[in-house]
C-alpha atoms as a PDB file:
ATOM      1  CA  MET A   1     -96.140-106.706 -30.542  1.00  0.00           C
ATOM      2  CA  LEU A   2     -98.514-109.116 -28.855  1.00  0.00           C
ATOM      3  CA  PHE A   3     -99.724-106.787 -26.137  1.00  0.00           C
ATOM      4  CA  LYS A   4     -98.879-103.391 -24.754  1.00  0.00           C
ATOM      5  CA  PRO A   5     -96.803-103.419 -21.580  1.00  0.00           C
ATOM      6  CA  SER A   6     -97.476-100.786 -18.991  1.00  0.00           C
ATOM      7  CA  PRO A   7     -95.291 -97.673 -19.048  1.00  0.00           C
ATOM      8  CA  THR A   8     -93.934 -98.552 -15.628  1.00  0.00           C
ATOM      9  CA  GLY A   9     -94.044-102.330 -15.754  1.00  0.00           C
ATOM     10  CA  ARG A  10     -95.820-102.329 -12.395  1.00  0.00           C
ATOM     11  CA  GLU A  11     -99.498-102.611 -13.354  1.00  0.00           C
ATOM     12  CA  TRP A  12     -99.676-106.330 -14.039  1.00  0.00           C
ATOM     13  CA  GLY A  13    -100.321-107.325 -10.435  1.00  0.00           C
ATOM     14  CA  ARG A  14    -104.003-108.282 -10.625  1.00  0.00           C
ATOM     15  CA  GLY A  15    -104.432-109.180  -6.986  1.00  0.00           C
ATOM     16  CA  ARG A  16    -100.807-109.822  -6.086  1.00  0.00           C
ATOM     17  CA  SER A  17     -97.725-107.734  -5.476  1.00  0.00           C
ATOM     18  CA  PHE A  18     -97.077-105.227  -8.222  1.00  0.00           C
ATOM     19  CA  VAL A  19     -93.374-106.159  -8.262  1.00  0.00           C
ATOM     20  CA  MET A  20     -92.353-107.954 -11.431  1.00  0.00           C
ATOM     21  CA  LYS A  21     -90.837-111.400 -10.892  1.00  0.00           C
ATOM     22  CA  VAL A  22     -88.042-112.594 -13.153  1.00  0.00           C
ATOM     23  CA  LEU A  23     -87.197-116.302 -12.964  1.00  0.00           C
ATOM     24  CA  ILE A  24     -83.867-117.737 -14.082  1.00  0.00           C
ATOM     25  CA  ALA A  25     -84.511-121.423 -14.795  1.00  0.00           C
ATOM     26  CA  THR A  26     -81.296-123.194 -15.756  1.00  0.00           C
ATOM     27  CA  GLU A  27     -80.507-126.864 -15.535  1.00  0.00           C
ATOM     28  CA  LYS A  28     -76.940-125.789 -16.419  1.00  0.00           C
ATOM     29  CA  PRO A  29     -76.601-122.682 -14.208  1.00  0.00           C
ATOM     30  CA  PHE A  30     -75.130-119.359 -15.188  1.00  0.00           C
ATOM     31  CA  SER A  31     -71.889-118.434 -13.480  1.00  0.00           C
ATOM     32  CA  LYS A  32     -72.116-116.447 -10.257  1.00  0.00           C
ATOM     33  CA  VAL A  33     -70.750-113.403 -12.093  1.00  0.00           C
ATOM     34  CA  ALA A  34     -73.519-113.701 -14.674  1.00  0.00           C
ATOM     35  CA  VAL A  35     -76.235-114.068 -12.025  1.00  0.00           C
ATOM     36  CA  ASP A  36     -74.828-111.078 -10.159  1.00  0.00           C
ATOM     37  CA  GLY A  37     -74.958-109.062 -13.384  1.00  0.00           C
ATOM     38  CA  ILE A  38     -78.544-110.110 -14.053  1.00  0.00           C
ATOM     39  CA  ARG A  39     -79.477-109.240 -10.476  1.00  0.00           C
ATOM     40  CA  GLU A  40     -77.966-105.790 -10.849  1.00  0.00           C
ATOM     41  CA  VAL A  41     -80.178-105.150 -13.892  1.00  0.00           C
ATOM     42  CA  THR A  42     -83.361-106.483 -12.271  1.00  0.00           C
ATOM     43  CA  ASP A  43     -82.715-104.745  -8.942  1.00  0.00           C
ATOM     44  CA  LYS A  44     -82.275-101.428 -10.723  1.00  0.00           C
ATOM     45  CA  ALA A  45     -85.646-101.962 -12.401  1.00  0.00           C
ATOM     46  CA  GLY A  46     -87.270-102.798  -9.071  1.00  0.00           C
ATOM     47  CA  TYR A  47     -87.972-106.420 -10.022  1.00  0.00           C
ATOM     48  CA  GLU A  48     -87.758-109.553  -7.899  1.00  0.00           C
ATOM     49  CA  LEU A  49     -85.244-112.172  -9.107  1.00  0.00           C
ATOM     50  CA  ALA A  50     -85.773-115.892  -8.434  1.00  0.00           C
ATOM     51  CA  LEU A  51     -83.437-118.793  -9.250  1.00  0.00           C
ATOM     52  CA  LEU A  52     -84.176-122.387 -10.212  1.00  0.00           C
ATOM     53  CA  GLU A  53     -80.807-124.023 -10.820  1.00  0.00           C
ATOM     54  CA  LYS A  54     -79.737-127.618 -11.505  1.00  0.00           C
ATOM     55  CA  TYR A  55     -83.327-128.822 -11.430  1.00  0.00           C
ATOM     56  CA  THR A  56     -83.797-132.509 -12.201  1.00  0.00           C
ATOM     57  CA  GLU A  57     -87.522-132.794 -12.905  1.00  0.00           C
ATOM     58  CA  LYS A  58     -89.875-130.868 -15.149  1.00  0.00           C
ATOM     59  CA  ALA A  59     -92.325-130.610 -12.253  1.00  0.00           C
ATOM     60  CA  GLN A  60     -89.878-128.288 -10.502  1.00  0.00           C
ATOM     61  CA  LEU A  61     -89.901-125.952 -13.488  1.00  0.00           C
ATOM     62  CA  LEU A  62     -93.694-126.065 -13.759  1.00  0.00           C
ATOM     63  CA  GLU A  63     -94.004-125.050 -10.118  1.00  0.00           C
ATOM     64  CA  ALA A  64     -91.399-122.298 -10.340  1.00  0.00           C
ATOM     65  CA  VAL A  65     -92.944-120.553 -13.367  1.00  0.00           C
ATOM     66  CA  LYS A  66     -96.430-120.236 -11.863  1.00  0.00           C
ATOM     67  CA  ASP A  67     -95.960-116.645 -10.687  1.00  0.00           C
ATOM     68  CA  ALA A  68     -93.140-115.519 -12.987  1.00  0.00           C
ATOM     69  CA  ASP A  69     -93.671-112.454 -15.171  1.00  0.00           C
ATOM     70  CA  ALA A  70     -90.455-113.061 -17.111  1.00  0.00           C
ATOM     71  CA  LEU A  71     -88.302-116.123 -17.693  1.00  0.00           C
ATOM     72  CA  ILE A  72     -84.641-116.499 -18.615  1.00  0.00           C
ATOM     73  CA  VAL A  73     -83.431-119.908 -19.817  1.00  0.00           C
ATOM     74  CA  ARG A  74     -80.413-121.370 -21.540  1.00  0.00           C
ATOM     75  CA  SER A  75     -80.980-124.704 -23.334  1.00  0.00           C
ATOM     76  CA  ASP A  76     -83.945-125.509 -21.086  1.00  0.00           C
ATOM     77  CA  LYS A  77     -87.145-126.621 -22.848  1.00  0.00           C
ATOM     78  CA  VAL A  78     -89.993-124.144 -22.653  1.00  0.00           C
ATOM     79  CA  ASP A  79     -92.794-126.157 -24.228  1.00  0.00           C
ATOM     80  CA  ALA A  80     -96.578-125.716 -24.267  1.00  0.00           C
ATOM     81  CA  GLU A  81     -96.942-127.271 -20.815  1.00  0.00           C
ATOM     82  CA  VAL A  82     -94.476-124.813 -19.296  1.00  0.00           C
ATOM     83  CA  VAL A  83     -96.110-121.826 -20.999  1.00  0.00           C
ATOM     84  CA  GLU A  84     -99.562-122.978 -19.882  1.00  0.00           C
ATOM     85  CA  ALA A  85     -98.364-123.293 -16.272  1.00  0.00           C
ATOM     86  CA  ALA A  86     -96.893-119.775 -16.319  1.00  0.00           C
ATOM     87  CA  LYS A  87    -100.148-117.828 -16.022  1.00  0.00           C
ATOM     88  CA  GLN A  88     -98.414-114.469 -15.380  1.00  0.00           C
ATOM     89  CA  LEU A  89     -95.701-114.889 -18.016  1.00  0.00           C
ATOM     90  CA  LYS A  90     -95.207-112.028 -20.451  1.00  0.00           C
ATOM     91  CA  ILE A  91     -91.753-112.700 -21.868  1.00  0.00           C
ATOM     92  CA  VAL A  92     -89.245-115.559 -22.113  1.00  0.00           C
ATOM     93  CA  VAL A  93     -85.674-114.968 -23.233  1.00  0.00           C
ATOM     94  CA  ARG A  94     -83.357-117.712 -24.387  1.00  0.00           C
ATOM     95  CA  ALA A  95     -79.854-116.594 -23.364  1.00  0.00           C
ATOM     96  CA  GLY A  96     -78.144-117.590 -26.583  1.00  0.00           C
ATOM     97  CA  ALA A  97     -78.635-117.474 -30.327  1.00  0.00           C
ATOM     98  CA  GLY A  98     -80.595-120.664 -30.978  1.00  0.00           C
ATOM     99  CA  PHE A  99     -84.203-120.761 -29.815  1.00  0.00           C
ATOM    100  CA  ASP A 100     -85.478-124.163 -30.946  1.00  0.00           C
ATOM    101  CA  ASN A 101     -85.959-125.033 -27.257  1.00  0.00           C
ATOM    102  CA  LEU A 102     -88.806-122.484 -27.122  1.00  0.00           C
ATOM    103  CA  ASP A 103     -92.279-123.472 -28.310  1.00  0.00           C
ATOM    104  CA  LEU A 104     -92.987-120.330 -30.305  1.00  0.00           C
ATOM    105  CA  GLN A 105     -96.503-121.364 -31.228  1.00  0.00           C
ATOM    106  CA  ALA A 106     -97.419-121.867 -27.573  1.00  0.00           C
ATOM    107  CA  CYS A 107     -95.827-118.539 -26.634  1.00  0.00           C
ATOM    108  CA  THR A 108     -97.824-116.709 -29.281  1.00  0.00           C
ATOM    109  CA  ALA A 109    -101.042-118.460 -28.280  1.00  0.00           C
ATOM    110  CA  HIS A 110    -100.584-117.295 -24.672  1.00  0.00           C
ATOM    111  CA  ASN A 111     -99.469-113.722 -25.523  1.00  0.00           C
ATOM    112  CA  VAL A 112     -95.914-114.407 -24.404  1.00  0.00           C
ATOM    113  CA  VAL A 113     -93.099-112.661 -26.259  1.00  0.00           C
ATOM    114  CA  ALA A 114     -90.162-114.973 -27.015  1.00  0.00           C
ATOM    115  CA  MET A 115     -86.671-113.583 -27.584  1.00  0.00           C
ATOM    116  CA  ASN A 116     -83.105-114.754 -28.028  1.00  0.00           C
ATOM    117  CA  THR A 117     -79.827-112.882 -27.474  1.00  0.00           C
ATOM    118  CA  PRO A 118     -78.056-113.060 -30.856  1.00  0.00           C
ATOM    119  CA  GLY A 119     -74.358-112.323 -30.993  1.00  0.00           C
ATOM    120  CA  GLN A 120     -73.607-112.675 -27.304  1.00  0.00           C
ATOM    121  CA  ASN A 121     -72.078-116.167 -27.695  1.00  0.00           C
ATOM    122  CA  ALA A 122     -70.690-115.626 -31.181  1.00  0.00           C
ATOM    123  CA  ASN A 123     -66.994-115.304 -30.374  1.00  0.00           C
ATOM    124  CA  SER A 124     -67.156-118.185 -27.905  1.00  0.00           C
ATOM    125  CA  VAL A 125     -68.590-120.514 -30.556  1.00  0.00           C
ATOM    126  CA  ALA A 126     -66.150-119.284 -33.193  1.00  0.00           C
ATOM    127  CA  GLU A 127     -63.142-119.931 -30.977  1.00  0.00           C
ATOM    128  CA  LEU A 128     -64.447-123.427 -30.246  1.00  0.00           C
ATOM    129  CA  VAL A 129     -64.510-124.128 -33.991  1.00  0.00           C
ATOM    130  CA  PHE A 130     -60.774-123.524 -34.157  1.00  0.00           C
ATOM    131  CA  GLY A 131     -60.054-125.369 -30.933  1.00  0.00           C
ATOM    132  CA  MET A 132     -61.643-128.453 -32.462  1.00  0.00           C
ATOM    133  CA  LEU A 133     -60.036-127.834 -35.845  1.00  0.00           C
ATOM    134  CA  VAL A 134     -56.496-127.670 -34.467  1.00  0.00           C
ATOM    135  CA  TYR A 135     -57.230-130.823 -32.462  1.00  0.00           C
ATOM    136  CA  GLY A 136     -58.606-132.517 -35.562  1.00  0.00           C
ATOM    137  CA  VAL A 137     -55.908-131.623 -38.093  1.00  0.00           C
ATOM    138  CA  ARG A 138     -53.247-132.719 -35.579  1.00  0.00           C
ATOM    139  CA  ASN A 139     -54.888-136.170 -35.435  1.00  0.00           C
ATOM    140  CA  PHE A 140     -56.284-135.585 -31.938  1.00  0.00           C
ATOM    141  CA  PHE A 141     -52.732-135.199 -30.586  1.00  0.00           C
ATOM    142  CA  ASN A 142     -52.046-138.923 -30.962  1.00  0.00           C
ATOM    143  CA  GLY A 143     -48.365-138.401 -31.691  1.00  0.00           C
ATOM    144  CA  THR A 144     -48.578-138.769 -35.472  1.00  0.00           C
ATOM    145  CA  SER A 145     -47.882-136.071 -38.023  1.00  0.00           C
ATOM    146  CA  GLY A 146     -50.911-133.940 -38.863  1.00  0.00           C
ATOM    147  CA  THR A 147     -51.492-130.934 -41.106  1.00  0.00           C
ATOM    148  CA  GLU A 148     -51.728-127.160 -40.764  1.00  0.00           C
ATOM    149  CA  LEU A 149     -54.620-124.758 -41.307  1.00  0.00           C
ATOM    150  CA  LEU A 150     -52.459-122.195 -43.119  1.00  0.00           C
ATOM    151  CA  GLY A 151     -53.480-121.996 -46.776  1.00  0.00           C
ATOM    152  CA  LYS A 152     -56.493-124.281 -46.390  1.00  0.00           C
ATOM    153  CA  LYS A 153     -59.873-123.088 -47.667  1.00  0.00           C
ATOM    154  CA  LEU A 154     -62.608-122.806 -45.058  1.00  0.00           C
ATOM    155  CA  GLY A 155     -66.259-122.790 -46.059  1.00  0.00           C
ATOM    156  CA  ILE A 156     -68.737-121.122 -43.712  1.00  0.00           C
ATOM    157  CA  LEU A 157     -72.357-122.173 -44.118  1.00  0.00           C
ATOM    158  CA  ALA A 158     -74.450-119.216 -42.847  1.00  0.00           C
ATOM    159  CA  PHE A 159     -72.851-115.815 -42.375  1.00  0.00           C
ATOM    160  CA  GLY A 160     -74.497-114.548 -39.225  1.00  0.00           C
ATOM    161  CA  ASN A 161     -72.820-113.403 -36.006  1.00  0.00           C
ATOM    162  CA  VAL A 162     -70.957-116.675 -35.477  1.00  0.00           C
ATOM    163  CA  GLY A 163     -70.020-117.096 -39.123  1.00  0.00           C
ATOM    164  CA  ARG A 164     -68.503-113.623 -39.251  1.00  0.00           C
ATOM    165  CA  ASN A 165     -66.397-114.323 -36.180  1.00  0.00           C
ATOM    166  CA  VAL A 166     -65.251-117.622 -37.688  1.00  0.00           C
ATOM    167  CA  ALA A 167     -64.171-115.729 -40.814  1.00  0.00           C
ATOM    168  CA  ARG A 168     -62.249-113.196 -38.731  1.00  0.00           C
ATOM    169  CA  ILE A 169     -60.326-115.884 -36.859  1.00  0.00           C
ATOM    170  CA  ALA A 170     -59.700-117.926 -40.015  1.00  0.00           C
ATOM    171  CA  LYS A 171     -57.913-114.974 -41.591  1.00  0.00           C
ATOM    172  CA  GLY A 172     -55.601-114.915 -38.591  1.00  0.00           C
ATOM    173  CA  PHE A 173     -54.665-118.523 -39.353  1.00  0.00           C
ATOM    174  CA  GLY A 174     -53.870-117.517 -42.935  1.00  0.00           C
ATOM    175  CA  MET A 175     -56.792-119.487 -44.354  1.00  0.00           C
ATOM    176  CA  LYS A 176     -58.767-118.730 -47.499  1.00  0.00           C
ATOM    177  CA  VAL A 177     -62.405-118.117 -46.591  1.00  0.00           C
ATOM    178  CA  MET A 178     -65.612-118.689 -48.517  1.00  0.00           C
ATOM    179  CA  ALA A 179     -69.167-118.348 -47.222  1.00  0.00           C
ATOM    180  CA  TYR A 180     -72.700-119.072 -48.334  1.00  0.00           C
ATOM    181  CA  ASP A 181     -75.876-117.779 -46.756  1.00  0.00           C
ATOM    182  CA  ALA A 182     -79.226-117.985 -48.525  1.00  0.00           C
ATOM    183  CA  TYR A 183     -80.422-114.917 -46.599  1.00  0.00           C
ATOM    184  CA  CYS A 184     -77.305-112.758 -46.733  1.00  0.00           C
ATOM    185  CA  PRO A 185     -76.529-110.843 -49.946  1.00  0.00           C
ATOM    186  CA  LYS A 186     -73.257-111.720 -51.671  1.00  0.00           C
ATOM    187  CA  GLU A 187     -72.209-108.068 -51.453  1.00  0.00           C
ATOM    188  CA  VAL A 188     -72.379-108.169 -47.636  1.00  0.00           C
ATOM    189  CA  ILE A 189     -70.208-111.286 -47.526  1.00  0.00           C
ATOM    190  CA  GLU A 190     -67.696-109.773 -49.937  1.00  0.00           C
ATOM    191  CA  GLN A 191     -67.583-106.517 -47.968  1.00  0.00           C
ATOM    192  CA  ALA A 192     -66.264-108.598 -45.055  1.00  0.00           C
ATOM    193  CA  GLY A 193     -63.367-109.716 -47.232  1.00  0.00           C
ATOM    194  CA  VAL A 194     -64.826-113.175 -47.763  1.00  0.00           C
ATOM    195  CA  GLU A 195     -65.454-114.955 -51.063  1.00  0.00           C
ATOM    196  CA  ALA A 196     -69.179-115.535 -51.606  1.00  0.00           C
ATOM    197  CA  ALA A 197     -70.328-118.901 -52.917  1.00  0.00           C
ATOM    198  CA  ASN A 198     -73.302-119.108 -55.256  1.00  0.00           C
ATOM    199  CA  CYS A 199     -74.776-122.121 -53.459  1.00  0.00           C
ATOM    200  CA  GLN A 200     -73.961-124.529 -50.648  1.00  0.00           C
ATOM    201  CA  GLU A 201     -72.896-127.181 -53.174  1.00  0.00           C
ATOM    202  CA  GLN A 202     -70.136-124.861 -54.392  1.00  0.00           C
ATOM    203  CA  LEU A 203     -69.025-124.401 -50.791  1.00  0.00           C
ATOM    204  CA  PHE A 204     -68.569-128.154 -50.327  1.00  0.00           C
ATOM    205  CA  ASP A 205     -66.989-128.561 -53.772  1.00  0.00           C
ATOM    206  CA  GLU A 206     -64.272-125.952 -53.277  1.00  0.00           C
ATOM    207  CA  CYS A 207     -63.421-126.011 -49.576  1.00  0.00           C
ATOM    208  CA  ASP A 208     -61.131-128.219 -47.512  1.00  0.00           C
ATOM    209  CA  ILE A 209     -63.180-127.619 -44.392  1.00  0.00           C
ATOM    210  CA  VAL A 210     -66.832-126.657 -43.952  1.00  0.00           C
ATOM    211  CA  SER A 211     -68.115-125.159 -40.686  1.00  0.00           C
ATOM    212  CA  LEU A 212     -71.878-125.225 -40.094  1.00  0.00           C
ATOM    213  CA  HIS A 213     -73.723-122.283 -38.531  1.00  0.00           C
ATOM    214  CA  ILE A 214     -77.261-122.843 -39.776  1.00  0.00           C
ATOM    215  CA  PRO A 215     -80.332-123.013 -37.514  1.00  0.00           C
ATOM    216  CA  ALA A 216     -82.546-126.081 -37.255  1.00  0.00           C
ATOM    217  CA  THR A 217     -85.554-125.285 -39.449  1.00  0.00           C
ATOM    218  CA  PRO A 218     -87.838-127.447 -41.602  1.00  0.00           C
ATOM    219  CA  GLU A 219     -85.604-126.528 -44.558  1.00  0.00           C
ATOM    220  CA  THR A 220     -82.282-127.357 -42.881  1.00  0.00           C
ATOM    221  CA  ARG A 221     -83.101-130.467 -40.845  1.00  0.00           C
ATOM    222  CA  GLN A 222     -81.002-133.383 -42.159  1.00  0.00           C
ATOM    223  CA  SER A 223     -79.896-131.203 -45.080  1.00  0.00           C
ATOM    224  CA  ILE A 224     -76.232-131.984 -44.398  1.00  0.00           C
ATOM    225  CA  ASN A 225     -76.394-135.404 -45.953  1.00  0.00           C
ATOM    226  CA  TYR A 226     -74.478-138.113 -47.793  1.00  0.00           C
ATOM    227  CA  ASP A 227     -74.550-136.377 -51.170  1.00  0.00           C
ATOM    228  CA  LEU A 228     -73.660-132.894 -49.923  1.00  0.00           C
ATOM    229  CA  VAL A 229     -70.807-133.863 -47.591  1.00  0.00           C
ATOM    230  CA  GLY A 230     -69.580-136.311 -50.222  1.00  0.00           C
ATOM    231  CA  ARG A 231     -68.636-133.329 -52.379  1.00  0.00           C
ATOM    232  CA  LEU A 232     -65.801-132.424 -49.974  1.00  0.00           C
ATOM    233  CA  LYS A 233     -62.241-132.732 -51.240  1.00  0.00           C
ATOM    234  CA  LYS A 234     -60.025-135.612 -50.144  1.00  0.00           C
ATOM    235  CA  GLY A 235     -59.077-135.071 -46.509  1.00  0.00           C
ATOM    236  CA  GLY A 236     -62.121-132.880 -45.950  1.00  0.00           C
ATOM    237  CA  ILE A 237     -63.383-131.925 -42.510  1.00  0.00           C
ATOM    238  CA  LEU A 238     -66.951-131.133 -41.433  1.00  0.00           C
ATOM    239  CA  VAL A 239     -67.378-129.040 -38.274  1.00  0.00           C
ATOM    240  CA  ASN A 240     -70.778-128.711 -36.615  1.00  0.00           C
ATOM    241  CA  THR A 241     -71.314-126.236 -33.782  1.00  0.00           C
ATOM    242  CA  ALA A 242     -74.829-125.446 -34.991  1.00  0.00           C
ATOM    243  CA  ARG A 243     -77.571-128.003 -34.306  1.00  0.00           C
ATOM    244  CA  LYS A 244     -77.650-131.797 -34.199  1.00  0.00           C
ATOM    245  CA  GLU A 245     -80.833-131.884 -36.265  1.00  0.00           C
ATOM    246  CA  VAL A 246     -79.206-130.459 -39.401  1.00  0.00           C
ATOM    247  CA  ILE A 247     -77.140-133.621 -39.863  1.00  0.00           C
ATOM    248  CA  ASP A 248     -78.426-136.732 -41.623  1.00  0.00           C
ATOM    249  CA  GLU A 249     -76.503-138.966 -39.231  1.00  0.00           C
ATOM    250  CA  ALA A 250     -77.084-142.258 -41.047  1.00  0.00           C
ATOM    251  CA  GLY A 251     -76.020-140.724 -44.351  1.00  0.00           C
ATOM    252  CA  LEU A 252     -72.918-139.086 -42.890  1.00  0.00           C
ATOM    253  CA  LEU A 253     -71.856-142.291 -41.129  1.00  0.00           C
ATOM    254  CA  LYS A 254     -72.283-144.297 -44.353  1.00  0.00           C
ATOM    255  CA  LEU A 255     -70.129-141.747 -46.186  1.00  0.00           C
ATOM    256  CA  MET A 256     -67.404-141.840 -43.535  1.00  0.00           C
ATOM    257  CA  GLU A 257     -67.334-145.635 -43.730  1.00  0.00           C
ATOM    258  CA  GLU A 258     -66.824-145.380 -47.486  1.00  0.00           C
ATOM    259  CA  ARG A 259     -64.322-142.520 -47.320  1.00  0.00           C
ATOM    260  CA  ALA A 260     -61.602-143.026 -44.745  1.00  0.00           C
ATOM    261  CA  ASP A 261     -60.205-139.552 -45.511  1.00  0.00           C
ATOM    262  CA  LEU A 262     -63.076-137.563 -43.948  1.00  0.00           C
ATOM    263  CA  LYS A 263     -63.325-136.188 -40.412  1.00  0.00           C
ATOM    264  CA  TYR A 264     -66.331-134.985 -38.420  1.00  0.00           C
ATOM    265  CA  LEU A 265     -65.920-132.656 -35.426  1.00  0.00           C
ATOM    266  CA  THR A 266     -68.877-131.483 -33.357  1.00  0.00           C
ATOM    267  CA  ASP A 267     -69.900-130.085 -29.987  1.00  0.00           C
ATOM    268  CA  ILE A 268     -73.357-131.676 -30.294  1.00  0.00           C
ATOM    269  CA  LYS A 269     -73.107-135.389 -29.596  1.00  0.00           C
ATOM    270  CA  PRO A 270     -75.035-137.260 -32.317  1.00  0.00           C
ATOM    271  CA  ASP A 271     -77.749-139.774 -31.514  1.00  0.00           C
ATOM    272  CA  MET A 272     -75.486-142.277 -33.298  1.00  0.00           C
ATOM    273  CA  ASP A 273     -72.422-141.301 -31.258  1.00  0.00           C
ATOM    274  CA  ALA A 274     -71.434-144.893 -30.444  1.00  0.00           C
ATOM    275  CA  GLU A 275     -71.601-145.882 -34.109  1.00  0.00           C
ATOM    276  CA  PHE A 276     -69.507-142.902 -35.190  1.00  0.00           C
ATOM    277  CA  ALA A 277     -66.931-143.614 -32.480  1.00  0.00           C
ATOM    278  CA  GLU A 278     -66.657-147.237 -33.587  1.00  0.00           C
ATOM    279  CA  LYS A 279     -66.841-146.960 -37.365  1.00  0.00           C
ATOM    280  CA  ALA A 280     -64.986-143.643 -37.777  1.00  0.00           C
ATOM    281  CA  ALA A 281     -62.441-144.101 -34.996  1.00  0.00           C
ATOM    282  CA  GLY A 282     -59.631-141.567 -35.201  1.00  0.00           C
ATOM    283  CA  ARG A 283     -61.667-139.331 -37.520  1.00  0.00           C
ATOM    284  CA  TYR A 284     -64.571-138.360 -35.279  1.00  0.00           C
ATOM    285  CA  PHE A 285     -64.776-136.175 -32.194  1.00  0.00           C
ATOM    286  CA  ALA A 286     -67.762-134.992 -30.155  1.00  0.00           C
ATOM    287  CA  THR A 287     -67.679-133.089 -26.881  1.00  0.00           C
ATOM    288  CA  PRO A 288     -69.590-134.680 -23.969  1.00  0.00           C
ATOM    289  CA  LYS A 289     -71.959-131.674 -23.811  1.00  0.00           C
ATOM    290  CA  LYS A 290     -72.662-128.704 -26.074  1.00  0.00           C
ATOM    291  CA  MET A 291     -69.742-126.364 -25.501  1.00  0.00           C
ATOM    292  CA  GLY A 292     -70.248-123.422 -27.855  1.00  0.00           C
ATOM    293  CA  ALA A 293     -71.366-120.964 -25.191  1.00  0.00           C
ATOM    294  CA  GLN A 294     -69.330-122.439 -22.356  1.00  0.00           C
ATOM    295  CA  THR A 295     -67.017-119.540 -21.610  1.00  0.00           C
ATOM    296  CA  ALA A 296     -67.195-117.119 -18.727  1.00  0.00           C
ATOM    297  CA  GLU A 297     -67.507-114.199 -21.103  1.00  0.00           C
ATOM    298  CA  ALA A 298     -70.367-115.672 -23.161  1.00  0.00           C
ATOM    299  CA  ASN A 299     -72.139-116.758 -19.987  1.00  0.00           C
ATOM    300  CA  VAL A 300     -72.081-113.227 -18.616  1.00  0.00           C
ATOM    301  CA  ASN A 301     -72.841-111.494 -21.924  1.00  0.00           C
ATOM    302  CA  ALA A 302     -75.895-113.614 -22.762  1.00  0.00           C
ATOM    303  CA  GLY A 303     -77.341-113.484 -19.238  1.00  0.00           C
ATOM    304  CA  ILE A 304     -77.063-109.730 -18.859  1.00  0.00           C
ATOM    305  CA  ALA A 305     -78.381-109.190 -22.393  1.00  0.00           C
ATOM    306  CA  ALA A 306     -81.433-111.311 -21.512  1.00  0.00           C
ATOM    307  CA  ALA A 307     -82.075-109.235 -18.397  1.00  0.00           C
ATOM    308  CA  ASN A 308     -81.740-105.960 -20.274  1.00  0.00           C
ATOM    309  CA  GLN A 309     -84.118-107.183 -22.993  1.00  0.00           C
ATOM    310  CA  ILE A 310     -86.706-108.125 -20.361  1.00  0.00           C
ATOM    311  CA  VAL A 311     -86.534-104.701 -18.757  1.00  0.00           C
ATOM    312  CA  GLY A 312     -86.599-102.992 -22.141  1.00  0.00           C
ATOM    313  CA  PHE A 313     -89.722-104.903 -23.112  1.00  0.00           C
ATOM    314  CA  LEU A 314     -91.634-104.536 -19.856  1.00  0.00           C
ATOM    315  CA  GLU A 315     -90.784-100.867 -19.425  1.00  0.00           C
ATOM    316  CA  GLN A 316     -90.750 -99.601 -23.013  1.00  0.00           C
ATOM    317  CA  GLY A 317     -92.262-102.323 -25.189  1.00  0.00           C
ATOM    318  CA  ILE A 318     -88.989-102.930 -27.064  1.00  0.00           C
ATOM    319  CA  THR A 319     -89.284-106.120 -29.138  1.00  0.00           C
ATOM    320  CA  LYS A 320     -86.080-105.920 -31.232  1.00  0.00           C
ATOM    321  CA  PHE A 321     -85.082-109.542 -30.666  1.00  0.00           C
ATOM    322  CA  LYS A 322     -88.551-111.086 -30.696  1.00  0.00           C
ATOM    323  CA  VAL A 323     -88.595-114.448 -32.524  1.00  0.00           C
ATOM    324  CA  ASN A 324     -92.326-115.255 -32.458  1.00  0.00           C
END
C-alpha cells in the first residue's frame, strides 16, 4: 500500500472541506442507472460526487481533477499530466478489466493507487464474442449459406474472467473448447471442463476459431502475427475483443491476402481498418467503437464496483484490485 488512508476518510482536507470528492470523468458516459448507483454509494459514505461527461478537450479533464480525491474513468486516458494536475488524488479506478489507459508509473510516483474492476464486464464481452461469431459464420447475413458453431473447436487465449465466460457459452453452442493461459495452471482449466493446451501454438494448430483475451503487455504486443495465425485450420476465424495492440496488423493483413479462407472479427477497429475492409472484404468485421462493455448490466456493475472500491480503500485501506 502506497500510503495509509485515514480511518474515517475525512482527514485529508488540508485547508479545504474535509468532504471527499469523487470525480467521474467519462468521455463515453455511464448510463443514468449506473451514475445513480455510484451516487448512492458515495452519498452513503458522505462523499461529494462530481461529473465530467462527454468532454471534448483534455484541458477540461485537467481542470476537473484539480480538487478530486478519487477518480473513476472508463477508457479515458489518465496519463502523467492528468496525475500531476490532480494534487489531491489518492485513487483512480478504471471501471473495466483493462487498465492500459492508466499511467501506472505516474500513479506510483504521485502516491496514487490505481485499480481496475475485473470481472464486472466479463459476461458482456463473452456474449459479444458469440454475437460476432454467429454474424461471421453466417457470412455477415449476406444471403449465402454459412456454417454452424456446433461441433467446432474454440480456442481461448487467456483463461481469466472473460475467457471462462466464453467457455461457458461455447458449451451451450455444443462446441469443443480448448484454452491456453501462461499464468493459469492446466489443472484449473481442466477443472472448468476445458481442454488445456500446452502452448498457444497448439491452440492455433488444433482449433477452428481462436478468441483472444490477453492484455496488452510488452510480451503480448503484436504477438498475434503472421506465423501464429497462419497455423489456423482452413476456414479459421480469429476473434479479438482484447486489445488492438496485440495484433501485428501488417502481418495479419498479408496472411489474409494470401489465405482467402480466413476471417477476422474484432470490436477494436485496427489502425489499418481501411486496408482490411478493402483487401479482406467479406471476411473482416470491426465495430465502429469498442463494444465489449457496452451493455446496461456491465455499465452498472463496473461503475458501482469502482465506487465501492474507492470507499473501501479510503475508509479501510483495502487494495485488493490495485494494479500498480
